[in-house]
Amino acid sequence: MLPELIKVQRGSWYDVGDKEVRHGCVYTYRVSSIDVLKDNKIGEWMLSVFIDRWKTKAFVKATLSEDSSLLANEIKTKAVVFKQASPENLNYYNYFYHLVSYIKLKGARLSRERVSSENEIPLYIRNDDYLKKSNKVKFEKYKEVIKGKKQFSDKIVVLIEKDSSCLLAYYYFLEVIVGAYFNSEQSTLDLLDYQCNASNCF
């Protein structure tokens, strides 16, 4: 089951990268690993997708989860940014792109390692049935999508059609959330050795 749409509304947000306020649509989705992976550990998550009104940029972040571990709280600090492909490149004009990354918890922080070939794309992304069957998702070399920039020319990007907020949320779920749990040494905080008791404020 793909992410379930909970709410759509107009909104405004601050774009830290471009240092400006953006306006557009905010989509709230619920997604559960049980529906995708049969995995109780990852559980249910609420994700927000922000797409500016001109569809030049989008970003996705996790806002709520069933897990209260260190890893889950670190995931909530990580957004994935999707940018419009080069306007002059008509093959990809209707797509957002994002550099595919391998996510892992190192110490207490999540790190990203960008991939340079399709074989390096994590299996939980490369072999996902929804992504494989969708005609709205592609994987290409950065240099084929963005012309004239050499910094990431050998890296792989995922391309997702701009009208697919659901797939933006789903891709975030796979790359960041599933990736973090699968690749991390400390995936959950051991909550079995103590108990949190209610206390009075007065």
C-alpha atoms as a PDB file:
ATOM      1  CA  MET A   1       0.000   0.000   0.000  1.00  0.00           C
ATOM      2  CA  LEU A   2       1.358   3.403  -0.962  1.00  0.00           C
ATOM      3  CA  PRO A   3       1.271   6.270   1.564  1.00  0.00           C
ATOM      4  CA  GLU A   4      -2.242   7.291   2.589  1.00  0.00           C
ATOM      5  CA  LEU A   5      -3.072  10.955   2.008  1.00  0.00           C
ATOM      6  CA  ILE A   6      -4.337  12.523   5.239  1.00  0.00           C
ATOM      7  CA  LYS A   7      -4.533  16.219   4.392  1.00  0.00           C
ATOM      8  CA  VAL A   8      -3.713  18.800   1.684  1.00  0.00           C
ATOM      9  CA  GLN A   9      -3.485  22.502   2.427  1.00  0.00           C
ATOM     10  CA  ARG A  10      -1.866  25.703   1.223  1.00  0.00           C
ATOM     11  CA  GLY A  11       1.116  26.756   3.269  1.00  0.00           C
ATOM     12  CA  SER A  12       4.314  28.770   3.567  1.00  0.00           C
ATOM     13  CA  TRP A  13       7.743  27.663   4.738  1.00  0.00           C
ATOM     14  CA  TYR A  14      11.306  28.901   4.945  1.00  0.00           C
ATOM     15  CA  ASP A  15      13.725  27.401   2.441  1.00  0.00           C
ATOM     16  CA  VAL A  16      17.007  27.170   4.359  1.00  0.00           C
ATOM     17  CA  GLY A  17      19.032  26.337   1.239  1.00  0.00           C
ATOM     18  CA  ASP A  18      17.855  29.310  -0.824  1.00  0.00           C
ATOM     19  CA  LYS A  19      17.229  31.521   2.230  1.00  0.00           C
ATOM     20  CA  GLU A  20      13.748  32.544   1.156  1.00  0.00           C
ATOM     21  CA  VAL A  21      10.113  31.990   2.048  1.00  0.00           C
ATOM     22  CA  ARG A  22       8.249  29.671  -0.302  1.00  0.00           C
ATOM     23  CA  HIS A  23       4.509  29.258  -0.785  1.00  0.00           C
ATOM     24  CA  GLY A  24       2.667  26.256  -2.125  1.00  0.00           C
ATOM     25  CA  CYS A  25       0.932  23.034  -1.131  1.00  0.00           C
ATOM     26  CA  VAL A  26       1.645  20.880   1.907  1.00  0.00           C
ATOM     27  CA  TYR A  27       0.633  17.214   1.711  1.00  0.00           C
ATOM     28  CA  THR A  28       0.451  15.038   4.830  1.00  0.00           C
ATOM     29  CA  TYR A  29       0.792  11.269   4.391  1.00  0.00           C
ATOM     30  CA  ARG A  30       0.692   8.243   6.651  1.00  0.00           C
ATOM     31  CA  VAL A  31       2.868   5.254   5.733  1.00  0.00           C
ATOM     32  CA  SER A  32       3.489   2.006   7.559  1.00  0.00           C
ATOM     33  CA  SER A  33       6.323  -0.439   7.113  1.00  0.00           C
ATOM     34  CA  ILE A  34       3.827  -3.239   7.788  1.00  0.00           C
ATOM     35  CA  ASP A  35       2.212  -2.527   4.415  1.00  0.00           C
ATOM     36  CA  VAL A  36       5.536  -2.495   2.584  1.00  0.00           C
ATOM     37  CA  LEU A  37       8.062  -4.621   4.491  1.00  0.00           C
ATOM     38  CA  LYS A  38       6.061  -6.668   7.022  1.00  0.00           C
ATOM     39  CA  ASP A  39       8.366  -5.033   9.565  1.00  0.00           C
ATOM     40  CA  ASN A  40       7.063  -4.155  13.043  1.00  0.00           C
ATOM     41  CA  LYS A  41      10.240  -2.364  14.084  1.00  0.00           C
ATOM     42  CA  ILE A  42       9.904   0.617  11.738  1.00  0.00           C
ATOM     43  CA  GLY A  43       6.195   1.047  12.374  1.00  0.00           C
ATOM     44  CA  GLU A  44       3.968   3.903  11.212  1.00  0.00           C
ATOM     45  CA  TRP A  45       5.176   7.369  10.181  1.00  0.00           C
ATOM     46  CA  MET A  46       3.613  10.691   9.253  1.00  0.00           C
ATOM     47  CA  LEU A  47       5.363  12.506   6.408  1.00  0.00           C
ATOM     48  CA  SER A  48       4.946  16.035   5.058  1.00  0.00           C
ATOM     49  CA  VAL A  49       5.602  16.932   1.423  1.00  0.00           C
ATOM     50  CA  PHE A  50       6.103  20.618   0.585  1.00  0.00           C
ATOM     51  CA  ILE A  51       5.832  21.606  -3.107  1.00  0.00           C
ATOM     52  CA  ASP A  52       6.197  25.251  -4.090  1.00  0.00           C
ATOM     53  CA  ARG A  53       3.488  26.762  -6.277  1.00  0.00           C
ATOM     54  CA  TRP A  54       5.735  26.958  -9.342  1.00  0.00           C
ATOM     55  CA  LYS A  55       6.838  23.311  -8.874  1.00  0.00           C
ATOM     56  CA  THR A  56      10.511  24.261  -8.981  1.00  0.00           C
ATOM     57  CA  LYS A  57      11.373  22.661  -5.654  1.00  0.00           C
ATOM     58  CA  ALA A  58       9.953  20.229  -3.128  1.00  0.00           C
ATOM     59  CA  PHE A  59      11.077  18.717   0.124  1.00  0.00           C
ATOM     60  CA  VAL A  60       9.909  15.903   2.342  1.00  0.00           C
ATOM     61  CA  LYS A  61      10.342  15.409   6.070  1.00  0.00           C
ATOM     62  CA  ALA A  62       9.100  13.023   8.738  1.00  0.00           C
ATOM     63  CA  THR A  63       7.016  14.673  11.429  1.00  0.00           C
ATOM     64  CA  LEU A  64       5.736  11.849  13.642  1.00  0.00           C
ATOM     65  CA  SER A  65       6.501   8.208  14.359  1.00  0.00           C
ATOM     66  CA  GLU A  66       5.518   5.396  16.721  1.00  0.00           C
ATOM     67  CA  ASP A  67       9.186   4.939  17.650  1.00  0.00           C
ATOM     68  CA  SER A  68      10.829   7.187  20.256  1.00  0.00           C
ATOM     69  CA  SER A  69      14.376   5.924  19.787  1.00  0.00           C
ATOM     70  CA  LEU A  70      17.468   7.989  19.098  1.00  0.00           C
ATOM     71  CA  LEU A  71      17.337   6.848  15.484  1.00  0.00           C
ATOM     72  CA  ALA A  72      13.699   7.889  14.994  1.00  0.00           C
ATOM     73  CA  ASN A  73      14.380  11.331  16.432  1.00  0.00           C
ATOM     74  CA  GLU A  74      17.421  11.733  14.196  1.00  0.00           C
ATOM     75  CA  ILE A  75      15.354  10.774  11.139  1.00  0.00           C
ATOM     76  CA  LYS A  76      12.954  13.636  11.937  1.00  0.00           C
ATOM     77  CA  THR A  77      15.827  16.106  11.515  1.00  0.00           C
ATOM     78  CA  LYS A  78      16.559  14.928   7.948  1.00  0.00           C
ATOM     79  CA  ALA A  79      14.684  16.347   4.969  1.00  0.00           C
ATOM     80  CA  VAL A  80      15.089  15.260   1.360  1.00  0.00           C
ATOM     81  CA  VAL A  81      15.134  18.068  -1.188  1.00  0.00           C
ATOM     82  CA  PHE A  82      13.862  17.554  -4.722  1.00  0.00           C
ATOM     83  CA  LYS A  83      14.745  20.115  -7.399  1.00  0.00           C
ATOM     84  CA  GLN A  84      13.434  20.803 -10.868  1.00  0.00           C
ATOM     85  CA  ALA A  85      15.557  19.319 -13.618  1.00  0.00           C
ATOM     86  CA  SER A  86      17.231  21.744 -16.035  1.00  0.00           C
ATOM     87  CA  PRO A  87      14.479  23.681 -17.894  1.00  0.00           C
ATOM     88  CA  GLU A  88      16.375  23.305 -21.180  1.00  0.00           C
ATOM     89  CA  ASN A  89      16.367  19.518 -20.797  1.00  0.00           C
ATOM     90  CA  LEU A  90      12.877  18.777 -22.113  1.00  0.00           C
ATOM     91  CA  ASN A  91      13.158  15.025 -21.406  1.00  0.00           C
ATOM     92  CA  TYR A  92      13.058  15.719 -17.687  1.00  0.00           C
ATOM     93  CA  TYR A  93      11.300  19.082 -17.428  1.00  0.00           C
ATOM     94  CA  ASN A  94       8.267  17.574 -15.656  1.00  0.00           C
ATOM     95  CA  TYR A  95      10.413  15.793 -13.076  1.00  0.00           C
ATOM     96  CA  PHE A  96      11.973  16.586  -9.733  1.00  0.00           C
ATOM     97  CA  TYR A  97      15.384  15.065  -9.155  1.00  0.00           C
ATOM     98  CA  HIS A  98      17.305  14.036  -6.033  1.00  0.00           C
ATOM     99  CA  LEU A  99      20.764  12.507  -5.608  1.00  0.00           C
ATOM    100  CA  VAL A 100      20.275   8.910  -4.488  1.00  0.00           C
ATOM    101  CA  SER A 101      21.904   8.289  -1.118  1.00  0.00           C
ATOM    102  CA  TYR A 102      22.804   5.431   1.176  1.00  0.00           C
ATOM    103  CA  ILE A 103      21.721   6.419   4.713  1.00  0.00           C
ATOM    104  CA  LYS A 104      23.429   5.148   7.849  1.00  0.00           C
ATOM    105  CA  LEU A 105      23.613   6.070  11.505  1.00  0.00           C
ATOM    106  CA  LYS A 106      27.186   6.719  12.595  1.00  0.00           C
ATOM    107  CA  GLY A 107      27.450   7.349  16.296  1.00  0.00           C
ATOM    108  CA  ALA A 108      24.401   9.482  17.043  1.00  0.00           C
ATOM    109  CA  ARG A 109      24.084  11.138  13.605  1.00  0.00           C
ATOM    110  CA  LEU A 110      22.704  10.038  10.266  1.00  0.00           C
ATOM    111  CA  SER A 111      25.087  10.314   7.329  1.00  0.00           C
ATOM    112  CA  ARG A 112      24.511  10.229   3.562  1.00  0.00           C
ATOM    113  CA  GLU A 113      26.711   8.529   1.016  1.00  0.00           C
ATOM    114  CA  ARG A 114      25.781   9.267  -2.612  1.00  0.00           C
ATOM    115  CA  VAL A 115      25.881   6.406  -5.098  1.00  0.00           C
ATOM    116  CA  SER A 116      27.671   6.334  -8.456  1.00  0.00           C
ATOM    117  CA  SER A 117      26.087   3.363 -10.250  1.00  0.00           C
ATOM    118  CA  GLU A 118      22.758   1.590 -10.435  1.00  0.00           C
ATOM    119  CA  ASN A 119      24.332  -1.426  -8.725  1.00  0.00           C
ATOM    120  CA  GLU A 120      25.070   0.771  -5.698  1.00  0.00           C
ATOM    121  CA  ILE A 121      21.436   1.835  -5.311  1.00  0.00           C
ATOM    122  CA  PRO A 122      20.272   0.137  -2.074  1.00  0.00           C
ATOM    123  CA  LEU A 123      18.248  -3.012  -2.725  1.00  0.00           C
ATOM    124  CA  TYR A 124      15.260  -1.735  -0.726  1.00  0.00           C
ATOM    125  CA  ILE A 125      15.019   1.067  -3.318  1.00  0.00           C
ATOM    126  CA  ARG A 126      16.165  -0.731  -6.471  1.00  0.00           C
ATOM    127  CA  ASN A 127      13.944  -3.779  -5.925  1.00  0.00           C
ATOM    128  CA  ASP A 128      10.868  -2.013  -4.575  1.00  0.00           C
ATOM    129  CA  ASP A 129       7.788  -3.190  -6.503  1.00  0.00           C
ATOM    130  CA  TYR A 130       6.024   0.189  -6.488  1.00  0.00           C
ATOM    131  CA  LEU A 131       9.013   2.046  -7.893  1.00  0.00           C
ATOM    132  CA  LYS A 132       9.745  -0.657 -10.485  1.00  0.00           C
ATOM    133  CA  LYS A 133       6.150  -0.654 -11.757  1.00  0.00           C
ATOM    134  CA  SER A 134       5.689   3.108 -11.802  1.00  0.00           C
ATOM    135  CA  ASN A 135       6.205   5.001 -15.041  1.00  0.00           C
ATOM    136  CA  LYS A 136       6.660   8.170 -12.990  1.00  0.00           C
ATOM    137  CA  VAL A 137      10.034   7.197 -11.506  1.00  0.00           C
ATOM    138  CA  LYS A 138      13.396   6.978 -13.294  1.00  0.00           C
ATOM    139  CA  PHE A 139      17.046   6.614 -12.320  1.00  0.00           C
ATOM    140  CA  GLU A 140      19.687   8.426 -14.381  1.00  0.00           C
ATOM    141  CA  LYS A 141      23.207   9.791 -14.176  1.00  0.00           C
ATOM    142  CA  TYR A 142      23.309  13.337 -12.815  1.00  0.00           C
ATOM    143  CA  LYS A 143      25.189  14.553 -15.901  1.00  0.00           C
ATOM    144  CA  GLU A 144      22.298  13.417 -18.130  1.00  0.00           C
ATOM    145  CA  VAL A 145      19.803  15.497 -16.166  1.00  0.00           C
ATOM    146  CA  ILE A 146      21.796  18.577 -15.147  1.00  0.00           C
ATOM    147  CA  LYS A 147      24.029  19.911 -17.891  1.00  0.00           C
ATOM    148  CA  GLY A 148      27.241  21.802 -17.300  1.00  0.00           C
ATOM    149  CA  LYS A 149      27.814  20.952 -13.631  1.00  0.00           C
ATOM    150  CA  LYS A 150      30.657  18.551 -12.868  1.00  0.00           C
ATOM    151  CA  GLN A 151      30.438  18.281  -9.073  1.00  0.00           C
ATOM    152  CA  PHE A 152      28.068  15.269  -9.076  1.00  0.00           C
ATOM    153  CA  SER A 153      28.400  14.241 -12.735  1.00  0.00           C
ATOM    154  CA  ASP A 154      29.134  10.597 -11.930  1.00  0.00           C
ATOM    155  CA  LYS A 155      26.366  10.238  -9.310  1.00  0.00           C
ATOM    156  CA  ILE A 156      22.914   8.677  -9.730  1.00  0.00           C
ATOM    157  CA  VAL A 157      19.697  10.675  -9.339  1.00  0.00           C
ATOM    158  CA  VAL A 158      16.117   9.559  -8.931  1.00  0.00           C
ATOM    159  CA  LEU A 159      13.579  11.427 -11.060  1.00  0.00           C
ATOM    160  CA  ILE A 160       9.955  11.621  -9.899  1.00  0.00           C
ATOM    161  CA  GLU A 161       7.159  13.343 -11.808  1.00  0.00           C
ATOM    162  CA  LYS A 162       6.196  16.670 -10.244  1.00  0.00           C
ATOM    163  CA  ASP A 163       2.529  15.760  -9.849  1.00  0.00           C
ATOM    164  CA  SER A 164       3.342  12.709  -7.709  1.00  0.00           C
ATOM    165  CA  SER A 165       3.503  13.986  -4.135  1.00  0.00           C
ATOM    166  CA  CYS A 166       2.657  10.453  -3.010  1.00  0.00           C
ATOM    167  CA  LEU A 167       5.768   9.030  -4.701  1.00  0.00           C
ATOM    168  CA  LEU A 168       7.926  11.814  -3.237  1.00  0.00           C
ATOM    169  CA  ALA A 169       6.738  10.740   0.218  1.00  0.00           C
ATOM    170  CA  TYR A 170       7.207   7.066  -0.579  1.00  0.00           C
ATOM    171  CA  TYR A 171      10.712   7.560  -1.909  1.00  0.00           C
ATOM    172  CA  TYR A 172      11.657   9.480   1.260  1.00  0.00           C
ATOM    173  CA  PHE A 173      10.273   6.611   3.327  1.00  0.00           C
ATOM    174  CA  LEU A 174      12.462   4.096   1.478  1.00  0.00           C
ATOM    175  CA  GLU A 175      15.681   6.072   1.295  1.00  0.00           C
ATOM    176  CA  VAL A 176      15.714   7.746   4.699  1.00  0.00           C
ATOM    177  CA  ILE A 177      13.510   5.736   7.057  1.00  0.00           C
ATOM    178  CA  VAL A 178      13.941   2.193   5.741  1.00  0.00           C
ATOM    179  CA  GLY A 179      17.581   2.929   4.940  1.00  0.00           C
ATOM    180  CA  ALA A 180      18.320   4.273   8.410  1.00  0.00           C
ATOM    181  CA  TYR A 181      16.798   1.265  10.188  1.00  0.00           C
ATOM    182  CA  PHE A 182      18.363  -1.312   7.877  1.00  0.00           C
ATOM    183  CA  ASN A 183      21.857   0.179   7.833  1.00  0.00           C
ATOM    184  CA  SER A 184      22.281   1.379  11.390  1.00  0.00           C
ATOM    185  CA  GLU A 185      24.189  -0.275  14.190  1.00  0.00           C
ATOM    186  CA  GLN A 186      21.949   1.282  16.838  1.00  0.00           C
ATOM    187  CA  SER A 187      18.470   1.120  15.358  1.00  0.00           C
ATOM    188  CA  THR A 188      16.409   1.341  18.531  1.00  0.00           C
ATOM    189  CA  LEU A 189      16.833   2.404  22.099  1.00  0.00           C
ATOM    190  CA  ASP A 190      16.415  -0.469  24.533  1.00  0.00           C
ATOM    191  CA  LEU A 191      13.286   0.494  26.437  1.00  0.00           C
ATOM    192  CA  LEU A 192      12.924  -2.779  28.306  1.00  0.00           C
ATOM    193  CA  ASP A 193      15.299  -2.124  31.194  1.00  0.00           C
ATOM    194  CA  TYR A 194      13.401   0.743  32.793  1.00  0.00           C
ATOM    195  CA  GLN A 195       9.911   2.188  33.004  1.00  0.00           C
ATOM    196  CA  CYS A 196       8.586   5.727  32.586  1.00  0.00           C
ATOM    197  CA  ASN A 197       6.053   6.549  35.291  1.00  0.00           C
ATOM    198  CA  ALA A 198       3.541   9.406  35.283  1.00  0.00           C
ATOM    199  CA  SER A 199       4.255  12.247  37.696  1.00  0.00           C
ATOM    200  CA  ASN A 200       2.278  15.182  39.085  1.00  0.00           C
ATOM    201  CA  CYS A 201       3.103  18.719  37.995  1.00  0.00           C
ATOM    202  CA  PHE A 202       1.938  20.196  41.329  1.00  0.00           C
END
